[in-house]
PDB file of all heavy atoms in Angstrom:
ATOM      1  N   SER A   1      -1.703  11.458   6.612  1.00  0.00           N
ATOM      2  CA  SER A   1      -2.932  10.714   6.852  1.00  0.00           C
ATOM      3  C   SER A   1      -3.264   9.842   5.648  1.00  0.00           C
ATOM      4  O   SER A   1      -3.434  10.358   4.541  1.00  0.00           O
ATOM      5  CB  SER A   1      -4.089  11.661   7.140  1.00  0.00           C
ATOM      6  OG  SER A   1      -3.847  12.409   8.322  1.00  0.00           O
ATOM      7  N   PRO A   2      -3.395   8.520   5.831  1.00  0.00           N
ATOM      8  CA  PRO A   2      -3.671   7.629   4.707  1.00  0.00           C
ATOM      9  C   PRO A   2      -5.154   7.359   4.495  1.00  0.00           C
ATOM     10  O   PRO A   2      -5.955   7.404   5.440  1.00  0.00           O
ATOM     11  CB  PRO A   2      -2.961   6.341   5.122  1.00  0.00           C
ATOM     12  CG  PRO A   2      -3.133   6.317   6.611  1.00  0.00           C
ATOM     13  CD  PRO A   2      -3.084   7.763   7.057  1.00  0.00           C
ATOM     14  N   THR A   3      -5.511   7.069   3.263  1.00  0.00           N
ATOM     15  CA  THR A   3      -6.806   6.515   2.912  1.00  0.00           C
ATOM     16  C   THR A   3      -6.583   5.375   1.938  1.00  0.00           C
ATOM     17  O   THR A   3      -5.586   5.349   1.210  1.00  0.00           O
ATOM     18  CB  THR A   3      -7.754   7.556   2.300  1.00  0.00           C
ATOM     19  OG1 THR A   3      -7.151   8.117   1.125  1.00  0.00           O
ATOM     20  CG2 THR A   3      -8.061   8.659   3.293  1.00  0.00           C
ATOM     21  N   TYR A   4      -7.537   4.423   1.906  1.00  0.00           N
ATOM     22  CA  TYR A   4      -7.378   3.213   1.117  1.00  0.00           C
ATOM     23  C   TYR A   4      -8.647   2.878   0.372  1.00  0.00           C
ATOM     24  O   TYR A   4      -9.757   3.121   0.858  1.00  0.00           O
ATOM     25  CB  TYR A   4      -7.016   2.026   2.015  1.00  0.00           C
ATOM     26  CG  TYR A   4      -5.740   2.215   2.784  1.00  0.00           C
ATOM     27  CD1 TYR A   4      -5.753   2.707   4.085  1.00  0.00           C
ATOM     28  CD2 TYR A   4      -4.516   1.903   2.204  1.00  0.00           C
ATOM     29  CE1 TYR A   4      -4.576   2.889   4.786  1.00  0.00           C
ATOM     30  CE2 TYR A   4      -3.333   2.082   2.901  1.00  0.00           C
ATOM     31  CZ  TYR A   4      -3.360   2.575   4.195  1.00  0.00           C
ATOM     32  OH  TYR A   4      -2.198   2.756   4.889  1.00  0.00           O
ATOM     33  N   ALA A   5      -8.474   2.296  -0.798  1.00  0.00           N
ATOM     34  CA  ALA A   5      -9.596   1.689  -1.475  1.00  0.00           C
ATOM     35  C   ALA A   5     -10.109   0.509  -0.657  1.00  0.00           C
ATOM     36  O   ALA A   5      -9.347  -0.153   0.054  1.00  0.00           O
ATOM     37  CB  ALA A   5      -9.184   1.215  -2.871  1.00  0.00           C
ATOM     38  N   ASP A   6     -11.403   0.239  -0.772  1.00  0.00           N
ATOM     39  CA  ASP A   6     -11.995  -0.839   0.017  1.00  0.00           C
ATOM     40  C   ASP A   6     -11.314  -2.183  -0.229  1.00  0.00           C
ATOM     41  O   ASP A   6     -11.196  -3.000   0.694  1.00  0.00           O
ATOM     42  CB  ASP A   6     -13.487  -0.956  -0.294  1.00  0.00           C
ATOM     43  CG  ASP A   6     -14.302   0.169   0.301  1.00  0.00           C
ATOM     44  OD1 ASP A   6     -13.803   0.859   1.214  1.00  0.00           O
ATOM     45  OD2 ASP A   6     -15.451   0.352  -0.146  1.00  0.00           O
ATOM     46  N   PHE A   7     -10.865  -2.425  -1.438  1.00  0.00           N
ATOM     47  CA  PHE A   7     -10.329  -3.743  -1.769  1.00  0.00           C
ATOM     48  C   PHE A   7      -8.934  -3.994  -1.210  1.00  0.00           C
ATOM     49  O   PHE A   7      -8.430  -5.116  -1.335  1.00  0.00           O
ATOM     50  CB  PHE A   7     -10.357  -3.972  -3.293  1.00  0.00           C
ATOM     51  CG  PHE A   7      -9.714  -2.897  -4.120  1.00  0.00           C
ATOM     52  CD1 PHE A   7      -8.343  -2.840  -4.293  1.00  0.00           C
ATOM     53  CD2 PHE A   7     -10.498  -1.938  -4.748  1.00  0.00           C
ATOM     54  CE1 PHE A   7      -7.762  -1.855  -5.072  1.00  0.00           C
ATOM     55  CE2 PHE A   7      -9.919  -0.943  -5.531  1.00  0.00           C
ATOM     56  CZ  PHE A   7      -8.549  -0.903  -5.687  1.00  0.00           C
ATOM     57  N   VAL A   8      -8.307  -2.991  -0.583  1.00  0.00           N
ATOM     58  CA  VAL A   8      -7.000  -3.208   0.046  1.00  0.00           C
ATOM     59  C   VAL A   8      -6.995  -2.864   1.528  1.00  0.00           C
ATOM     60  O   VAL A   8      -5.949  -3.032   2.176  1.00  0.00           O
ATOM     61  CB  VAL A   8      -5.881  -2.433  -0.666  1.00  0.00           C
ATOM     62  CG1 VAL A   8      -5.815  -2.825  -2.134  1.00  0.00           C
ATOM     63  CG2 VAL A   8      -6.061  -0.929  -0.511  1.00  0.00           C
ATOM     64  N   LYS A   9      -8.108  -2.420   2.073  1.00  0.00           N
ATOM     65  CA  LYS A   9      -8.149  -2.057   3.490  1.00  0.00           C
ATOM     66  C   LYS A   9      -7.743  -3.244   4.356  1.00  0.00           C
ATOM     67  O   LYS A   9      -8.160  -4.372   4.132  1.00  0.00           O
ATOM     68  CB  LYS A   9      -9.541  -1.575   3.875  1.00  0.00           C
ATOM     69  CG  LYS A   9      -9.838  -0.169   3.412  1.00  0.00           C
ATOM     70  CD  LYS A   9     -11.222   0.277   3.832  1.00  0.00           C
ATOM     71  CE  LYS A   9     -11.496   1.695   3.387  1.00  0.00           C
ATOM     72  NZ  LYS A   9     -12.872   2.117   3.715  1.00  0.00           N
ATOM     73  N   ASP A  10      -6.931  -2.967   5.353  1.00  0.00           N
ATOM     74  CA  ASP A  10      -6.420  -3.940   6.309  1.00  0.00           C
ATOM     75  C   ASP A  10      -5.383  -4.885   5.713  1.00  0.00           C
ATOM     76  O   ASP A  10      -4.933  -5.809   6.393  1.00  0.00           O
ATOM     77  CB  ASP A  10      -7.546  -4.745   6.961  1.00  0.00           C
ATOM     78  CG  ASP A  10      -8.563  -3.870   7.657  1.00  0.00           C
ATOM     79  OD1 ASP A  10      -8.150  -2.920   8.349  1.00  0.00           O
ATOM     80  OD2 ASP A  10      -9.770  -4.136   7.508  1.00  0.00           O
ATOM     81  N   ARG A  11      -4.994  -4.661   4.474  1.00  0.00           N
ATOM     82  CA  ARG A  11      -3.956  -5.474   3.841  1.00  0.00           C
ATOM     83  C   ARG A  11      -2.750  -4.649   3.399  1.00  0.00           C
ATOM     84  O   ARG A  11      -1.621  -5.128   3.482  1.00  0.00           O
ATOM     85  CB  ARG A  11      -4.503  -6.227   2.629  1.00  0.00           C
ATOM     86  CG  ARG A  11      -5.620  -7.202   2.958  1.00  0.00           C
ATOM     87  CD  ARG A  11      -5.922  -8.097   1.766  1.00  0.00           C
ATOM     88  NE  ARG A  11      -6.397  -7.327   0.617  1.00  0.00           N
ATOM     89  CZ  ARG A  11      -5.828  -7.357  -0.592  1.00  0.00           C
ATOM     90  NH1 ARG A  11      -4.758  -8.108  -0.812  1.00  0.00           N
ATOM     91  NH2 ARG A  11      -6.337  -6.647  -1.588  1.00  0.00           N
ATOM     92  N   PHE A  12      -2.988  -3.444   2.887  1.00  0.00           N
ATOM     93  CA  PHE A  12      -1.926  -2.589   2.352  1.00  0.00           C
ATOM     94  C   PHE A  12      -1.691  -1.407   3.282  1.00  0.00           C
ATOM     95  O   PHE A  12      -2.623  -0.921   3.937  1.00  0.00           O
ATOM     96  CB  PHE A  12      -2.296  -2.039   0.973  1.00  0.00           C
ATOM     97  CG  PHE A  12      -2.341  -3.054  -0.140  1.00  0.00           C
ATOM     98  CD1 PHE A  12      -2.246  -4.410   0.096  1.00  0.00           C
ATOM     99  CD2 PHE A  12      -2.477  -2.609  -1.450  1.00  0.00           C
ATOM    100  CE1 PHE A  12      -2.299  -5.326  -0.939  1.00  0.00           C
ATOM    101  CE2 PHE A  12      -2.526  -3.511  -2.490  1.00  0.00           C
ATOM    102  CZ  PHE A  12      -2.441  -4.875  -2.242  1.00  0.00           C
ATOM    103  N   THR A  13      -0.457  -0.914   3.306  1.00  0.00           N
ATOM    104  CA  THR A  13      -0.107   0.257   4.092  1.00  0.00           C
ATOM    105  C   THR A  13       0.741   1.195   3.247  1.00  0.00           C
ATOM    106  O   THR A  13       1.818   0.808   2.784  1.00  0.00           O
ATOM    107  CB  THR A  13       0.663  -0.121   5.361  1.00  0.00           C
ATOM    108  OG1 THR A  13      -0.103  -1.038   6.144  1.00  0.00           O
ATOM    109  CG2 THR A  13       0.950   1.125   6.192  1.00  0.00           C
ATOM    110  N   ILE A  14       0.259   2.416   3.059  1.00  0.00           N
ATOM    111  CA  ILE A  14       1.013   3.442   2.365  1.00  0.00           C
ATOM    112  C   ILE A  14       1.775   4.261   3.399  1.00  0.00           C
ATOM    113  O   ILE A  14       1.270   4.535   4.489  1.00  0.00           O
ATOM    114  CB  ILE A  14       0.090   4.333   1.510  1.00  0.00           C
ATOM    115  CG1 ILE A  14       0.904   5.317   0.664  1.00  0.00           C
ATOM    116  CG2 ILE A  14      -0.929   5.057   2.360  1.00  0.00           C
ATOM    117  CD1 ILE A  14       0.064   6.086  -0.348  1.00  0.00           C
ATOM    118  N   SER A  15       2.992   4.648   3.077  1.00  0.00           N
ATOM    119  CA  SER A  15       3.789   5.456   3.983  1.00  0.00           C
ATOM    120  C   SER A  15       4.748   6.319   3.187  1.00  0.00           C
ATOM    121  O   SER A  15       4.951   6.114   1.983  1.00  0.00           O
ATOM    122  CB  SER A  15       4.544   4.587   4.997  1.00  0.00           C
ATOM    123  OG  SER A  15       5.453   3.718   4.343  1.00  0.00           O
ATOM    124  N   ARG A  16       5.327   7.277   3.875  1.00  0.00           N
ATOM    125  CA  ARG A  16       6.282   8.168   3.231  1.00  0.00           C
ATOM    126  C   ARG A  16       7.410   8.483   4.195  1.00  0.00           C
ATOM    127  O   ARG A  16       7.201   8.588   5.399  1.00  0.00           O
ATOM    128  CB  ARG A  16       5.593   9.460   2.754  1.00  0.00           C
ATOM    129  CG  ARG A  16       4.976  10.285   3.878  1.00  0.00           C
ATOM    130  CD  ARG A  16       4.021  11.351   3.343  1.00  0.00           C
ATOM    131  NE  ARG A  16       4.703  12.301   2.469  1.00  0.00           N
ATOM    132  CZ  ARG A  16       4.088  13.122   1.626  1.00  0.00           C
ATOM    133  NH1 ARG A  16       2.759  13.095   1.522  1.00  0.00           N
ATOM    134  NH2 ARG A  16       4.795  13.955   0.881  1.00  0.00           N
ATOM    135  N   ASP A  17       8.599   8.631   3.652  1.00  0.00           N
ATOM    136  CA  ASP A  17       9.764   9.046   4.409  1.00  0.00           C
ATOM    137  C   ASP A  17      10.373  10.209   3.636  1.00  0.00           C
ATOM    138  O   ASP A  17      11.214  10.013   2.755  1.00  0.00           O
ATOM    139  CB  ASP A  17      10.753   7.905   4.585  1.00  0.00           C
ATOM    140  CG  ASP A  17      11.883   8.248   5.539  1.00  0.00           C
ATOM    141  OD1 ASP A  17      12.138   9.444   5.777  1.00  0.00           O
ATOM    142  OD2 ASP A  17      12.520   7.315   6.059  1.00  0.00           O
ATOM    143  N   ASN A  18       9.919  11.400   3.957  1.00  0.00           N
ATOM    144  CA  ASN A  18      10.336  12.572   3.192  1.00  0.00           C
ATOM    145  C   ASN A  18      11.850  12.789   3.261  1.00  0.00           C
ATOM    146  O   ASN A  18      12.462  13.204   2.278  1.00  0.00           O
ATOM    147  CB  ASN A  18       9.617  13.814   3.691  1.00  0.00           C
ATOM    148  CG  ASN A  18       8.130  13.797   3.403  1.00  0.00           C
ATOM    149  OD1 ASN A  18       7.651  12.995   2.600  1.00  0.00           O
ATOM    150  ND2 ASN A  18       7.395  14.688   4.050  1.00  0.00           N
ATOM    151  N   ALA A  19      12.431  12.513   4.419  1.00  0.00           N
ATOM    152  CA  ALA A  19      13.867  12.703   4.576  1.00  0.00           C
ATOM    153  C   ALA A  19      14.670  11.786   3.666  1.00  0.00           C
ATOM    154  O   ALA A  19      15.784  12.134   3.268  1.00  0.00           O
ATOM    155  CB  ALA A  19      14.277  12.492   6.028  1.00  0.00           C
ATOM    156  N   GLN A  20      14.131  10.608   3.347  1.00  0.00           N
ATOM    157  CA  GLN A  20      14.787   9.668   2.451  1.00  0.00           C
ATOM    158  C   GLN A  20      14.285   9.771   1.019  1.00  0.00           C
ATOM    159  O   GLN A  20      14.664   8.950   0.175  1.00  0.00           O
ATOM    160  CB  GLN A  20      14.602   8.241   2.959  1.00  0.00           C
ATOM    161  CG  GLN A  20      15.275   7.978   4.298  1.00  0.00           C
ATOM    162  CD  GLN A  20      16.779   8.083   4.208  1.00  0.00           C
ATOM    163  OE1 GLN A  20      17.399   7.624   3.251  1.00  0.00           O
ATOM    164  NE2 GLN A  20      17.387   8.711   5.216  1.00  0.00           N
ATOM    165  N   PHE A  21      13.418  10.747   0.745  1.00  0.00           N
ATOM    166  CA  PHE A  21      12.896  10.976  -0.597  1.00  0.00           C
ATOM    167  C   PHE A  21      12.208   9.730  -1.153  1.00  0.00           C
ATOM    168  O   PHE A  21      12.281   9.453  -2.362  1.00  0.00           O
ATOM    169  CB  PHE A  21      14.010  11.436  -1.546  1.00  0.00           C
ATOM    170  CG  PHE A  21      14.677  12.706  -1.125  1.00  0.00           C
ATOM    171  CD1 PHE A  21      15.795  12.693  -0.304  1.00  0.00           C
ATOM    172  CD2 PHE A  21      14.188  13.937  -1.538  1.00  0.00           C
ATOM    173  CE1 PHE A  21      16.418  13.875   0.089  1.00  0.00           C
ATOM    174  CE2 PHE A  21      14.797  15.116  -1.157  1.00  0.00           C
ATOM    175  CZ  PHE A  21      15.915  15.085  -0.334  1.00  0.00           C
ATOM    176  N   THR A  22      11.512   8.997  -0.299  1.00  0.00           N
ATOM    177  CA  THR A  22      10.965   7.706  -0.676  1.00  0.00           C
ATOM    178  C   THR A  22       9.532   7.556  -0.187  1.00  0.00           C
ATOM    179  O   THR A  22       9.198   7.982   0.924  1.00  0.00           O
ATOM    180  CB  THR A  22      11.820   6.568  -0.110  1.00  0.00           C
ATOM    181  OG1 THR A  22      13.185   6.749  -0.519  1.00  0.00           O
ATOM    182  CG2 THR A  22      11.336   5.221  -0.620  1.00  0.00           C
ATOM    183  N   VAL A  23       8.705   6.940  -1.023  1.00  0.00           N
ATOM    184  CA  VAL A  23       7.365   6.531  -0.632  1.00  0.00           C
ATOM    185  C   VAL A  23       7.272   5.023  -0.762  1.00  0.00           C
ATOM    186  O   VAL A  23       7.958   4.412  -1.586  1.00  0.00           O
ATOM    187  CB  VAL A  23       6.269   7.236  -1.460  1.00  0.00           C
ATOM    188  CG1 VAL A  23       6.368   8.740  -1.276  1.00  0.00           C
ATOM    189  CG2 VAL A  23       6.387   6.875  -2.934  1.00  0.00           C
ATOM    190  N   TYR A  24       6.411   4.415   0.046  1.00  0.00           N
ATOM    191  CA  TYR A  24       6.314   2.968   0.127  1.00  0.00           C
ATOM    192  C   TYR A  24       4.861   2.529   0.068  1.00  0.00           C
ATOM    193  O   TYR A  24       3.942   3.268   0.409  1.00  0.00           O
ATOM    194  CB  TYR A  24       6.893   2.442   1.442  1.00  0.00           C
ATOM    195  CG  TYR A  24       8.324   2.805   1.706  1.00  0.00           C
ATOM    196  CD1 TYR A  24       8.640   3.895   2.516  1.00  0.00           C
ATOM    197  CD2 TYR A  24       9.356   2.057   1.173  1.00  0.00           C
ATOM    198  CE1 TYR A  24       9.956   4.229   2.782  1.00  0.00           C
ATOM    199  CE2 TYR A  24      10.679   2.383   1.422  1.00  0.00           C
ATOM    200  CZ  TYR A  24      10.970   3.474   2.233  1.00  0.00           C
ATOM    201  OH  TYR A  24      12.278   3.798   2.489  1.00  0.00           O
ATOM    202  N   MET A  25       4.682   1.288  -0.337  1.00  0.00           N
ATOM    203  CA  MET A  25       3.431   0.601  -0.094  1.00  0.00           C
ATOM    204  C   MET A  25       3.745  -0.837   0.289  1.00  0.00           C
ATOM    205  O   MET A  25       4.268  -1.608  -0.519  1.00  0.00           O
ATOM    206  CB  MET A  25       2.472   0.633  -1.274  1.00  0.00           C
ATOM    207  CG  MET A  25       1.090   0.126  -0.870  1.00  0.00           C
ATOM    208  SD  MET A  25      -0.206   0.600  -2.034  1.00  0.00           S
ATOM    209  CE  MET A  25       0.314  -0.335  -3.468  1.00  0.00           C
ATOM    210  N   GLN A  26       3.438  -1.171   1.536  1.00  0.00           N
ATOM    211  CA  GLN A  26       3.541  -2.531   2.020  1.00  0.00           C
ATOM    212  C   GLN A  26       2.261  -3.267   1.673  1.00  0.00           C
ATOM    213  O   GLN A  26       1.168  -2.807   2.015  1.00  0.00           O
ATOM    214  CB  GLN A  26       3.765  -2.545   3.533  1.00  0.00           C
ATOM    215  CG  GLN A  26       3.864  -3.932   4.147  1.00  0.00           C
ATOM    216  CD  GLN A  26       5.108  -4.661   3.731  1.00  0.00           C
ATOM    217  OE1 GLN A  26       6.183  -4.077   3.684  1.00  0.00           O
ATOM    218  NE2 GLN A  26       4.964  -5.942   3.407  1.00  0.00           N
ATOM    219  N   MET A  27       2.385  -4.408   1.025  1.00  0.00           N
ATOM    220  CA  MET A  27       1.245  -5.182   0.567  1.00  0.00           C
ATOM    221  C   MET A  27       1.316  -6.560   1.194  1.00  0.00           C
ATOM    222  O   MET A  27       2.250  -7.318   0.941  1.00  0.00           O
ATOM    223  CB  MET A  27       1.229  -5.283  -0.960  1.00  0.00           C
ATOM    224  CG  MET A  27       1.277  -3.932  -1.661  1.00  0.00           C
ATOM    225  SD  MET A  27       1.078  -4.066  -3.456  1.00  0.00           S
ATOM    226  CE  MET A  27       2.554  -4.996  -3.858  1.00  0.00           C
ATOM    227  N   ASN A  28       0.329  -6.877   2.011  1.00  0.00           N
ATOM    228  CA  ASN A  28       0.247  -8.163   2.694  1.00  0.00           C
ATOM    229  C   ASN A  28      -0.992  -8.913   2.244  1.00  0.00           C
ATOM    230  O   ASN A  28      -1.938  -8.326   1.715  1.00  0.00           O
ATOM    231  CB  ASN A  28       0.209  -7.964   4.207  1.00  0.00           C
ATOM    232  CG  ASN A  28       1.436  -7.277   4.755  1.00  0.00           C
ATOM    233  OD1 ASN A  28       2.544  -7.473   4.263  1.00  0.00           O
ATOM    234  ND2 ASN A  28       1.253  -6.476   5.801  1.00  0.00           N
ATOM    235  N   TYR A  29      -0.990 -10.211   2.498  1.00  0.00           N
ATOM    236  CA  TYR A  29      -2.125 -11.073   2.170  1.00  0.00           C
ATOM    237  C   TYR A  29      -2.556 -10.889   0.722  1.00  0.00           C
ATOM    238  O   TYR A  29      -3.740 -10.743   0.410  1.00  0.00           O
ATOM    239  CB  TYR A  29      -3.294 -10.818   3.124  1.00  0.00           C
ATOM    240  CG  TYR A  29      -2.923 -10.964   4.580  1.00  0.00           C
ATOM    241  CD1 TYR A  29      -2.721  -9.848   5.381  1.00  0.00           C
ATOM    242  CD2 TYR A  29      -2.763 -12.223   5.144  1.00  0.00           C
ATOM    243  CE1 TYR A  29      -2.360  -9.985   6.710  1.00  0.00           C
ATOM    244  CE2 TYR A  29      -2.399 -12.365   6.469  1.00  0.00           C
ATOM    245  CZ  TYR A  29      -2.202 -11.242   7.251  1.00  0.00           C
ATOM    246  OH  TYR A  29      -1.848 -11.376   8.571  1.00  0.00           O
ATOM    247  N   LEU A  30      -1.589 -10.913  -0.156  1.00  0.00           N
ATOM    248  CA  LEU A  30      -1.859 -10.680  -1.566  1.00  0.00           C
ATOM    249  C   LEU A  30      -2.680 -11.817  -2.160  1.00  0.00           C
ATOM    250  O   LEU A  30      -2.517 -12.985  -1.791  1.00  0.00           O
ATOM    251  CB  LEU A  30      -0.550 -10.527  -2.327  1.00  0.00           C
ATOM    252  CG  LEU A  30       0.163  -9.188  -2.112  1.00  0.00           C
ATOM    253  CD1 LEU A  30       1.625  -9.280  -2.515  1.00  0.00           C
ATOM    254  CD2 LEU A  30      -0.546  -8.079  -2.882  1.00  0.00           C
ATOM    255  N   SER A  31      -3.546 -11.447  -3.088  1.00  0.00           N
ATOM    256  CA  SER A  31      -4.350 -12.411  -3.820  1.00  0.00           C
ATOM    257  C   SER A  31      -4.128 -12.224  -5.311  1.00  0.00           C
ATOM    258  O   SER A  31      -3.543 -11.225  -5.752  1.00  0.00           O
ATOM    259  CB  SER A  31      -5.833 -12.257  -3.478  1.00  0.00           C
ATOM    260  OG  SER A  31      -6.368 -11.086  -4.057  1.00  0.00           O
ATOM    261  N   THR A  32      -4.611 -13.177  -6.098  1.00  0.00           N
ATOM    262  CA  THR A  32      -4.453 -13.073  -7.541  1.00  0.00           C
ATOM    263  C   THR A  32      -5.105 -11.815  -8.103  1.00  0.00           C
ATOM    264  O   THR A  32      -4.660 -11.290  -9.123  1.00  0.00           O
ATOM    265  CB  THR A  32      -5.021 -14.307  -8.240  1.00  0.00           C
ATOM    266  OG1 THR A  32      -6.396 -14.480  -7.873  1.00  0.00           O
ATOM    267  CG2 THR A  32      -4.243 -15.557  -7.847  1.00  0.00           C
ATOM    268  N   ALA A  33      -6.154 -11.313  -7.451  1.00  0.00           N
ATOM    269  CA  ALA A  33      -6.818 -10.099  -7.896  1.00  0.00           C
ATOM    270  C   ALA A  33      -5.938  -8.858  -7.777  1.00  0.00           C
ATOM    271  O   ALA A  33      -6.254  -7.826  -8.361  1.00  0.00           O
ATOM    272  CB  ALA A  33      -8.111  -9.887  -7.115  1.00  0.00           C
ATOM    273  N   ASP A  34      -4.848  -8.954  -7.018  1.00  0.00           N
ATOM    274  CA  ASP A  34      -3.931  -7.833  -6.881  1.00  0.00           C
ATOM    275  C   ASP A  34      -2.904  -7.765  -8.002  1.00  0.00           C
ATOM    276  O   ASP A  34      -2.097  -6.829  -8.031  1.00  0.00           O
ATOM    277  CB  ASP A  34      -3.203  -7.909  -5.536  1.00  0.00           C
ATOM    278  CG  ASP A  34      -4.139  -7.807  -4.355  1.00  0.00           C
ATOM    279  OD1 ASP A  34      -5.013  -6.911  -4.371  1.00  0.00           O
ATOM    280  OD2 ASP A  34      -4.003  -8.613  -3.414  1.00  0.00           O
ATOM    281  N   THR A  35      -2.905  -8.716  -8.899  1.00  0.00           N
ATOM    282  CA  THR A  35      -1.963  -8.713 -10.011  1.00  0.00           C
ATOM    283  C   THR A  35      -2.214  -7.500 -10.901  1.00  0.00           C
ATOM    284  O   THR A  35      -3.319  -7.306 -11.408  1.00  0.00           O
ATOM    285  CB  THR A  35      -2.081  -9.996 -10.826  1.00  0.00           C
ATOM    286  OG1 THR A  35      -1.701 -11.108 -10.011  1.00  0.00           O
ATOM    287  CG2 THR A  35      -1.185  -9.950 -12.052  1.00  0.00           C
ATOM    288  N   ALA A  36      -1.193  -6.669 -11.087  1.00  0.00           N
ATOM    289  CA  ALA A  36      -1.324  -5.433 -11.848  1.00  0.00           C
ATOM    290  C   ALA A  36       0.038  -4.766 -11.926  1.00  0.00           C
ATOM    291  O   ALA A  36       0.983  -5.156 -11.233  1.00  0.00           O
ATOM    292  CB  ALA A  36      -2.327  -4.479 -11.193  1.00  0.00           C
ATOM    293  N   VAL A  37       0.124  -3.735 -12.758  1.00  0.00           N
ATOM    294  CA  VAL A  37       1.247  -2.812 -12.710  1.00  0.00           C
ATOM    295  C   VAL A  37       0.889  -1.709 -11.729  1.00  0.00           C
ATOM    296  O   VAL A  37      -0.178  -1.093 -11.833  1.00  0.00           O
ATOM    297  CB  VAL A  37       1.573  -2.228 -14.089  1.00  0.00           C
ATOM    298  CG1 VAL A  37       2.728  -1.230 -13.995  1.00  0.00           C
ATOM    299  CG2 VAL A  37       1.936  -3.341 -15.066  1.00  0.00           C
TER     300      VAL A  37
END
């Protein structure tokens, strides 16, 4: 079950694939305010 900060709602998607030992974050509609590590 995912939860999101307000500033990324409807733009970012967190997911996990336990079988592949991998976690993801899909980031769409990026803005300059998303610049970060």
